[in-house]
Amino acid sequence: PSEITDTEYEICVEDTLDSLTEFFEDLPEIEPCNDDYDCAYGNGVLTVHLGSVEGTYVINKQMPNKQIWLSSPLSGPKRYDYFDGQWVYLRDGRGLHRQLEDEMTEIMGFRIELKKCKYYSWGMSDSK
């Protein structure tokens, strides 16, 4: 992982979580979501509840490690490092946004595209 200062981390992580929050808050206006769909952000923790059957995503900042942690109802926990201008899961090279797009598209039944979010990350090995 690239070494970034605490200040750089705070800017990157806040921009990332803010833009993801904005996307997920606006989603029900764009696509049909479950009645119990909910999105909440506070204290560095973004919670996206897709539905009682579909499950809940929790995306949060981890200042001590300078990471973003993802808890997924499909793939479980993952820890993303800031690497080359994107948030990457170093075990498989996948970007945070790509992981969310792929999983949520499968769960929701319509295409989730996060390309407009800040620090959009497809991953280390892909050029998209």
N, C-alpha and C. Protein backbone atom coordinates (compact mmCIF):
# COMPACT_ATOMS: atom_id res chain seq x y z
N PRO A 1 0.83 -1.20 0.00
CA PRO A 1 0.00 0.00 0.00
C PRO A 1 0.86 1.25 0.00
N SER A 2 0.36 2.28 -0.63
CA SER A 2 1.12 3.52 -0.65
C SER A 2 1.01 4.19 0.71
N GLU A 3 2.06 4.86 1.08
CA GLU A 3 2.05 5.59 2.35
C GLU A 3 1.37 6.93 2.13
N ILE A 4 0.30 7.17 2.83
CA ILE A 4 -0.36 8.47 2.77
C ILE A 4 -0.42 9.03 4.19
N THR A 5 -0.44 10.33 4.26
CA THR A 5 -0.48 10.97 5.57
C THR A 5 -1.88 10.80 6.17
N ASP A 6 -2.00 11.08 7.44
CA ASP A 6 -3.30 11.03 8.10
C ASP A 6 -4.27 12.00 7.44
N THR A 7 -3.78 13.18 7.09
CA THR A 7 -4.63 14.19 6.44
C THR A 7 -5.10 13.72 5.07
N GLU A 8 -4.18 13.17 4.27
CA GLU A 8 -4.55 12.64 2.95
C GLU A 8 -5.58 11.51 3.08
N TYR A 9 -5.36 10.63 4.06
CA TYR A 9 -6.30 9.54 4.29
C TYR A 9 -7.69 10.09 4.62
N GLU A 10 -7.75 11.04 5.53
CA GLU A 10 -9.04 11.61 5.93
C GLU A 10 -9.78 12.20 4.73
N ILE A 11 -9.06 12.91 3.88
CA ILE A 11 -9.68 13.51 2.68
C ILE A 11 -10.19 12.41 1.75
N CYS A 12 -9.36 11.43 1.46
CA CYS A 12 -9.73 10.35 0.54
C CYS A 12 -10.91 9.53 1.08
N VAL A 13 -10.85 9.16 2.34
CA VAL A 13 -11.89 8.30 2.91
C VAL A 13 -13.21 9.05 3.04
N GLU A 14 -13.15 10.31 3.45
CA GLU A 14 -14.39 11.09 3.57
C GLU A 14 -15.03 11.32 2.20
N ASP A 15 -14.21 11.67 1.20
CA ASP A 15 -14.73 11.86 -0.16
C ASP A 15 -15.36 10.56 -0.68
N THR A 16 -14.69 9.45 -0.43
CA THR A 16 -15.20 8.15 -0.88
C THR A 16 -16.53 7.83 -0.23
N LEU A 17 -16.58 7.91 1.10
CA LEU A 17 -17.80 7.57 1.83
C LEU A 17 -18.93 8.56 1.54
N ASP A 18 -18.61 9.84 1.40
CA ASP A 18 -19.63 10.83 1.06
C ASP A 18 -20.25 10.55 -0.30
N SER A 19 -19.41 10.23 -1.30
CA SER A 19 -19.95 9.99 -2.64
C SER A 19 -20.74 8.68 -2.70
N LEU A 20 -20.30 7.66 -1.96
CA LEU A 20 -21.08 6.42 -1.89
C LEU A 20 -22.42 6.67 -1.18
N THR A 21 -22.39 7.45 -0.12
CA THR A 21 -23.63 7.78 0.59
C THR A 21 -24.60 8.49 -0.33
N GLU A 22 -24.12 9.46 -1.07
CA GLU A 22 -24.98 10.20 -1.99
C GLU A 22 -25.61 9.25 -3.02
N PHE A 23 -24.80 8.34 -3.56
CA PHE A 23 -25.32 7.38 -4.54
C PHE A 23 -26.43 6.52 -3.92
N PHE A 24 -26.16 5.95 -2.76
CA PHE A 24 -27.13 5.03 -2.15
C PHE A 24 -28.37 5.75 -1.60
N GLU A 25 -28.23 7.01 -1.22
CA GLU A 25 -29.40 7.78 -0.81
C GLU A 25 -30.31 8.07 -2.01
N ASP A 26 -29.71 8.30 -3.17
CA ASP A 26 -30.47 8.63 -4.38
C ASP A 26 -31.01 7.40 -5.11
N LEU A 27 -30.48 6.22 -4.82
CA LEU A 27 -30.84 5.01 -5.56
C LEU A 27 -32.34 4.74 -5.63
N PRO A 28 -33.10 4.86 -4.54
CA PRO A 28 -34.54 4.57 -4.63
C PRO A 28 -35.30 5.51 -5.59
N GLU A 29 -34.72 6.66 -5.88
CA GLU A 29 -35.36 7.58 -6.82
C GLU A 29 -35.10 7.18 -8.27
N ILE A 30 -34.09 6.33 -8.48
CA ILE A 30 -33.68 5.93 -9.82
C ILE A 30 -34.18 4.52 -10.17
N GLU A 31 -34.12 3.63 -9.20
CA GLU A 31 -34.48 2.22 -9.40
C GLU A 31 -35.43 1.77 -8.30
N PRO A 32 -36.26 0.76 -8.59
CA PRO A 32 -37.15 0.24 -7.55
C PRO A 32 -36.37 -0.54 -6.49
N CYS A 33 -36.52 -0.12 -5.26
CA CYS A 33 -35.85 -0.79 -4.13
C CYS A 33 -36.92 -1.34 -3.20
N ASN A 34 -36.54 -2.25 -2.34
CA ASN A 34 -37.46 -2.81 -1.35
C ASN A 34 -38.01 -1.70 -0.45
N ASP A 35 -39.18 -1.96 0.11
CA ASP A 35 -39.80 -0.98 1.00
C ASP A 35 -38.94 -0.69 2.23
N ASP A 36 -38.16 -1.69 2.68
CA ASP A 36 -37.34 -1.47 3.86
C ASP A 36 -35.88 -1.11 3.53
N TYR A 37 -35.63 -0.75 2.26
CA TYR A 37 -34.31 -0.24 1.87
C TYR A 37 -33.99 0.99 2.70
N ASP A 38 -32.75 1.09 3.16
CA ASP A 38 -32.36 2.25 3.96
C ASP A 38 -30.87 2.47 3.83
N CYS A 39 -30.49 3.73 3.89
CA CYS A 39 -29.09 4.12 3.83
C CYS A 39 -28.84 5.14 4.92
N ALA A 40 -27.78 4.94 5.71
CA ALA A 40 -27.45 5.88 6.78
C ALA A 40 -25.94 6.03 6.87
N TYR A 41 -25.51 7.26 7.13
CA TYR A 41 -24.08 7.53 7.27
C TYR A 41 -23.85 8.43 8.48
N GLY A 42 -22.90 8.03 9.30
CA GLY A 42 -22.53 8.84 10.45
C GLY A 42 -21.30 8.27 11.13
N ASN A 43 -20.47 9.15 11.65
CA ASN A 43 -19.27 8.75 12.38
C ASN A 43 -18.37 7.79 11.60
N GLY A 44 -18.27 8.01 10.29
CA GLY A 44 -17.38 7.20 9.47
C GLY A 44 -17.92 5.84 9.10
N VAL A 45 -19.21 5.61 9.33
CA VAL A 45 -19.83 4.31 9.03
C VAL A 45 -21.02 4.51 8.09
N LEU A 46 -20.96 3.86 6.93
CA LEU A 46 -22.05 3.86 5.97
C LEU A 46 -22.74 2.50 6.04
N THR A 47 -24.04 2.52 6.30
CA THR A 47 -24.84 1.30 6.35
C THR A 47 -25.87 1.35 5.24
N VAL A 48 -25.88 0.31 4.40
CA VAL A 48 -26.85 0.22 3.31
C VAL A 48 -27.65 -1.07 3.52
N HIS A 49 -28.89 -0.90 3.94
CA HIS A 49 -29.78 -2.04 4.18
C HIS A 49 -30.61 -2.25 2.91
N LEU A 50 -30.33 -3.34 2.20
CA LEU A 50 -31.01 -3.61 0.93
C LEU A 50 -32.38 -4.21 1.12
N GLY A 51 -32.59 -4.88 2.24
CA GLY A 51 -33.86 -5.53 2.52
C GLY A 51 -33.64 -6.65 3.53
N SER A 52 -34.73 -7.13 4.12
CA SER A 52 -34.60 -8.15 5.16
C SER A 52 -34.03 -9.46 4.62
N VAL A 53 -34.31 -9.78 3.38
CA VAL A 53 -33.77 -10.99 2.77
C VAL A 53 -32.38 -10.73 2.18
N GLU A 54 -32.22 -9.57 1.55
CA GLU A 54 -31.00 -9.25 0.82
C GLU A 54 -29.81 -8.95 1.73
N GLY A 55 -30.08 -8.36 2.87
CA GLY A 55 -29.00 -8.11 3.83
C GLY A 55 -28.53 -6.67 3.86
N THR A 56 -27.48 -6.46 4.65
CA THR A 56 -26.97 -5.13 4.92
C THR A 56 -25.47 -5.06 4.65
N TYR A 57 -25.06 -4.00 3.99
CA TYR A 57 -23.64 -3.69 3.79
C TYR A 57 -23.24 -2.64 4.80
N VAL A 58 -22.05 -2.83 5.37
CA VAL A 58 -21.48 -1.83 6.26
C VAL A 58 -20.10 -1.48 5.70
N ILE A 59 -19.89 -0.19 5.45
CA ILE A 59 -18.63 0.30 4.91
C ILE A 59 -18.13 1.36 5.88
N ASN A 60 -16.95 1.14 6.44
CA ASN A 60 -16.48 2.09 7.44
C ASN A 60 -14.99 2.36 7.33
N LYS A 61 -14.62 3.55 7.81
CA LYS A 61 -13.21 3.92 7.80
C LYS A 61 -12.52 3.34 9.02
N GLN A 62 -11.26 3.00 8.84
CA GLN A 62 -10.42 2.48 9.92
C GLN A 62 -9.14 3.31 9.95
N MET A 63 -9.20 4.40 10.69
CA MET A 63 -8.09 5.35 10.74
C MET A 63 -6.76 4.71 11.17
N PRO A 64 -6.73 3.87 12.21
CA PRO A 64 -5.43 3.34 12.64
C PRO A 64 -4.69 2.59 11.52
N ASN A 65 -5.44 1.90 10.64
CA ASN A 65 -4.84 1.13 9.56
C ASN A 65 -4.86 1.88 8.23
N LYS A 66 -5.53 3.05 8.21
CA LYS A 66 -5.73 3.82 6.98
C LYS A 66 -6.39 2.94 5.92
N GLN A 67 -7.46 2.28 6.30
CA GLN A 67 -8.20 1.38 5.42
C GLN A 67 -9.68 1.75 5.41
N ILE A 68 -10.38 1.15 4.44
CA ILE A 68 -11.84 1.09 4.46
C ILE A 68 -12.20 -0.38 4.64
N TRP A 69 -13.07 -0.63 5.59
CA TRP A 69 -13.52 -2.00 5.84
C TRP A 69 -14.93 -2.16 5.28
N LEU A 70 -15.14 -3.30 4.63
CA LEU A 70 -16.43 -3.64 4.06
C LEU A 70 -16.93 -4.92 4.70
N SER A 71 -18.19 -4.88 5.15
CA SER A 71 -18.86 -6.09 5.60
C SER A 71 -20.00 -6.34 4.63
N SER A 72 -19.93 -7.47 3.93
CA SER A 72 -20.88 -7.79 2.88
C SER A 72 -21.71 -9.01 3.24
N PRO A 73 -23.02 -8.98 2.95
CA PRO A 73 -23.84 -10.17 3.20
C PRO A 73 -23.51 -11.32 2.25
N LEU A 74 -22.81 -11.04 1.15
CA LEU A 74 -22.43 -12.09 0.20
C LEU A 74 -21.02 -12.62 0.43
N SER A 75 -20.07 -11.71 0.55
CA SER A 75 -18.66 -12.14 0.58
C SER A 75 -17.99 -11.98 1.94
N GLY A 76 -18.71 -11.45 2.93
CA GLY A 76 -18.12 -11.31 4.25
C GLY A 76 -17.25 -10.08 4.38
N PRO A 77 -16.28 -10.10 5.30
CA PRO A 77 -15.46 -8.91 5.55
C PRO A 77 -14.28 -8.80 4.58
N LYS A 78 -13.98 -7.54 4.22
CA LYS A 78 -12.81 -7.25 3.40
C LYS A 78 -12.22 -5.93 3.88
N ARG A 79 -10.90 -5.80 3.73
CA ARG A 79 -10.20 -4.58 4.13
C ARG A 79 -9.51 -3.98 2.92
N TYR A 80 -9.83 -2.73 2.63
CA TYR A 80 -9.32 -2.05 1.43
C TYR A 80 -8.26 -1.02 1.80
N ASP A 81 -7.13 -1.11 1.08
CA ASP A 81 -6.04 -0.15 1.27
C ASP A 81 -6.07 0.86 0.13
N TYR A 82 -5.61 2.07 0.42
CA TYR A 82 -5.50 3.10 -0.61
C TYR A 82 -4.21 2.85 -1.36
N PHE A 83 -4.33 2.51 -2.65
CA PHE A 83 -3.19 2.10 -3.46
C PHE A 83 -3.35 2.68 -4.84
N ASP A 84 -2.39 3.47 -5.28
CA ASP A 84 -2.41 4.05 -6.63
C ASP A 84 -3.70 4.81 -6.92
N GLY A 85 -4.17 5.57 -5.96
CA GLY A 85 -5.34 6.41 -6.18
C GLY A 85 -6.68 5.70 -6.11
N GLN A 86 -6.70 4.48 -5.58
CA GLN A 86 -7.96 3.72 -5.48
C GLN A 86 -7.93 2.83 -4.25
N TRP A 87 -9.12 2.42 -3.82
CA TRP A 87 -9.26 1.52 -2.67
C TRP A 87 -9.26 0.09 -3.19
N VAL A 88 -8.25 -0.70 -2.77
CA VAL A 88 -8.03 -2.03 -3.33
C VAL A 88 -7.92 -3.06 -2.22
N TYR A 89 -8.57 -4.21 -2.45
CA TYR A 89 -8.43 -5.37 -1.57
C TYR A 89 -7.19 -6.11 -2.05
N LEU A 90 -6.11 -6.05 -1.29
CA LEU A 90 -4.81 -6.53 -1.77
C LEU A 90 -4.75 -8.04 -1.97
N ARG A 91 -5.64 -8.79 -1.37
CA ARG A 91 -5.61 -10.25 -1.55
C ARG A 91 -6.00 -10.68 -2.96
N ASP A 92 -6.92 -9.91 -3.59
CA ASP A 92 -7.32 -10.28 -4.95
C ASP A 92 -7.21 -9.14 -5.96
N GLY A 93 -6.82 -7.95 -5.50
CA GLY A 93 -6.62 -6.83 -6.41
C GLY A 93 -7.89 -6.13 -6.86
N ARG A 94 -9.04 -6.55 -6.34
CA ARG A 94 -10.31 -5.94 -6.74
C ARG A 94 -10.52 -4.62 -6.02
N GLY A 95 -11.09 -3.68 -6.74
CA GLY A 95 -11.41 -2.39 -6.15
C GLY A 95 -12.69 -2.46 -5.35
N LEU A 96 -12.79 -1.58 -4.38
CA LEU A 96 -13.98 -1.48 -3.53
C LEU A 96 -15.25 -1.28 -4.36
N HIS A 97 -15.21 -0.34 -5.29
CA HIS A 97 -16.40 -0.02 -6.07
C HIS A 97 -16.81 -1.19 -6.97
N ARG A 98 -15.83 -1.87 -7.54
CA ARG A 98 -16.13 -3.04 -8.39
C ARG A 98 -16.81 -4.13 -7.57
N GLN A 99 -16.30 -4.36 -6.36
CA GLN A 99 -16.90 -5.37 -5.49
C GLN A 99 -18.36 -5.03 -5.20
N LEU A 100 -18.60 -3.77 -4.85
CA LEU A 100 -19.96 -3.33 -4.56
C LEU A 100 -20.85 -3.43 -5.79
N GLU A 101 -20.35 -2.99 -6.94
CA GLU A 101 -21.14 -3.06 -8.18
C GLU A 101 -21.55 -4.50 -8.50
N ASP A 102 -20.58 -5.41 -8.48
CA ASP A 102 -20.85 -6.80 -8.85
C ASP A 102 -21.84 -7.45 -7.89
N GLU A 103 -21.61 -7.31 -6.60
CA GLU A 103 -22.48 -7.95 -5.62
C GLU A 103 -23.88 -7.35 -5.61
N MET A 104 -23.95 -6.03 -5.60
CA MET A 104 -25.26 -5.39 -5.49
C MET A 104 -26.08 -5.54 -6.77
N THR A 105 -25.42 -5.62 -7.91
CA THR A 105 -26.13 -5.90 -9.15
C THR A 105 -26.78 -7.28 -9.07
N GLU A 106 -26.05 -8.25 -8.53
CA GLU A 106 -26.58 -9.61 -8.37
C GLU A 106 -27.76 -9.62 -7.40
N ILE A 107 -27.62 -8.92 -6.29
CA ILE A 107 -28.67 -8.92 -5.26
C ILE A 107 -29.91 -8.15 -5.72
N MET A 108 -29.71 -6.96 -6.27
CA MET A 108 -30.82 -6.06 -6.58
C MET A 108 -31.55 -6.39 -7.87
N GLY A 109 -30.87 -7.07 -8.79
CA GLY A 109 -31.52 -7.44 -10.05
C GLY A 109 -31.50 -6.33 -11.09
N PHE A 110 -30.75 -5.27 -10.85
CA PHE A 110 -30.51 -4.23 -11.85
C PHE A 110 -29.07 -3.74 -11.68
N ARG A 111 -28.54 -3.16 -12.76
CA ARG A 111 -27.13 -2.77 -12.78
C ARG A 111 -26.85 -1.60 -11.83
N ILE A 112 -25.90 -1.82 -10.95
CA ILE A 112 -25.40 -0.78 -10.06
C ILE A 112 -24.10 -0.25 -10.67
N GLU A 113 -24.04 1.04 -10.92
CA GLU A 113 -22.83 1.65 -11.48
C GLU A 113 -22.36 2.79 -10.59
N LEU A 114 -21.15 2.65 -10.09
CA LEU A 114 -20.60 3.63 -9.14
C LEU A 114 -19.50 4.48 -9.76
N LYS A 115 -19.43 4.52 -11.09
CA LYS A 115 -18.33 5.22 -11.78
C LYS A 115 -18.24 6.70 -11.45
N LYS A 116 -19.35 7.31 -11.04
CA LYS A 116 -19.33 8.74 -10.73
C LYS A 116 -18.87 9.01 -9.30
N CYS A 117 -18.69 7.96 -8.52
CA CYS A 117 -18.23 8.14 -7.14
C CYS A 117 -16.74 8.49 -7.11
N LYS A 118 -16.36 9.26 -6.12
CA LYS A 118 -14.96 9.66 -6.00
C LYS A 118 -14.10 8.44 -5.67
N TYR A 119 -12.90 8.45 -6.22
CA TYR A 119 -11.92 7.38 -6.05
C TYR A 119 -12.47 6.04 -6.53
N TYR A 120 -13.30 6.10 -7.58
CA TYR A 120 -13.84 4.88 -8.18
C TYR A 120 -12.70 3.91 -8.44
N SER A 121 -12.87 2.69 -8.01
CA SER A 121 -11.79 1.71 -8.15
C SER A 121 -12.31 0.42 -8.74
N TRP A 122 -11.79 0.08 -9.88
CA TRP A 122 -12.11 -1.18 -10.53
C TRP A 122 -11.19 -2.27 -10.01
N GLY A 123 -9.95 -1.91 -9.81
CA GLY A 123 -8.98 -2.88 -9.30
C GLY A 123 -7.62 -2.68 -9.94
N MET A 124 -6.64 -3.44 -9.47
CA MET A 124 -5.27 -3.26 -9.92
C MET A 124 -4.99 -3.85 -11.28
N SER A 125 -5.64 -4.95 -11.64
CA SER A 125 -5.28 -5.65 -12.87
C SER A 125 -6.14 -5.26 -14.07
N ASP A 126 -7.20 -4.50 -13.84
CA ASP A 126 -8.10 -4.12 -14.93
C ASP A 126 -7.93 -2.65 -15.26
N SER A 127 -8.25 -2.30 -16.49
CA SER A 127 -8.05 -0.92 -16.92
C SER A 127 -9.34 -0.14 -17.04
N LYS A 128 -10.46 -0.70 -16.56
CA LYS A 128 -11.76 -0.01 -16.71
C LYS A 128 -11.86 1.19 -15.81
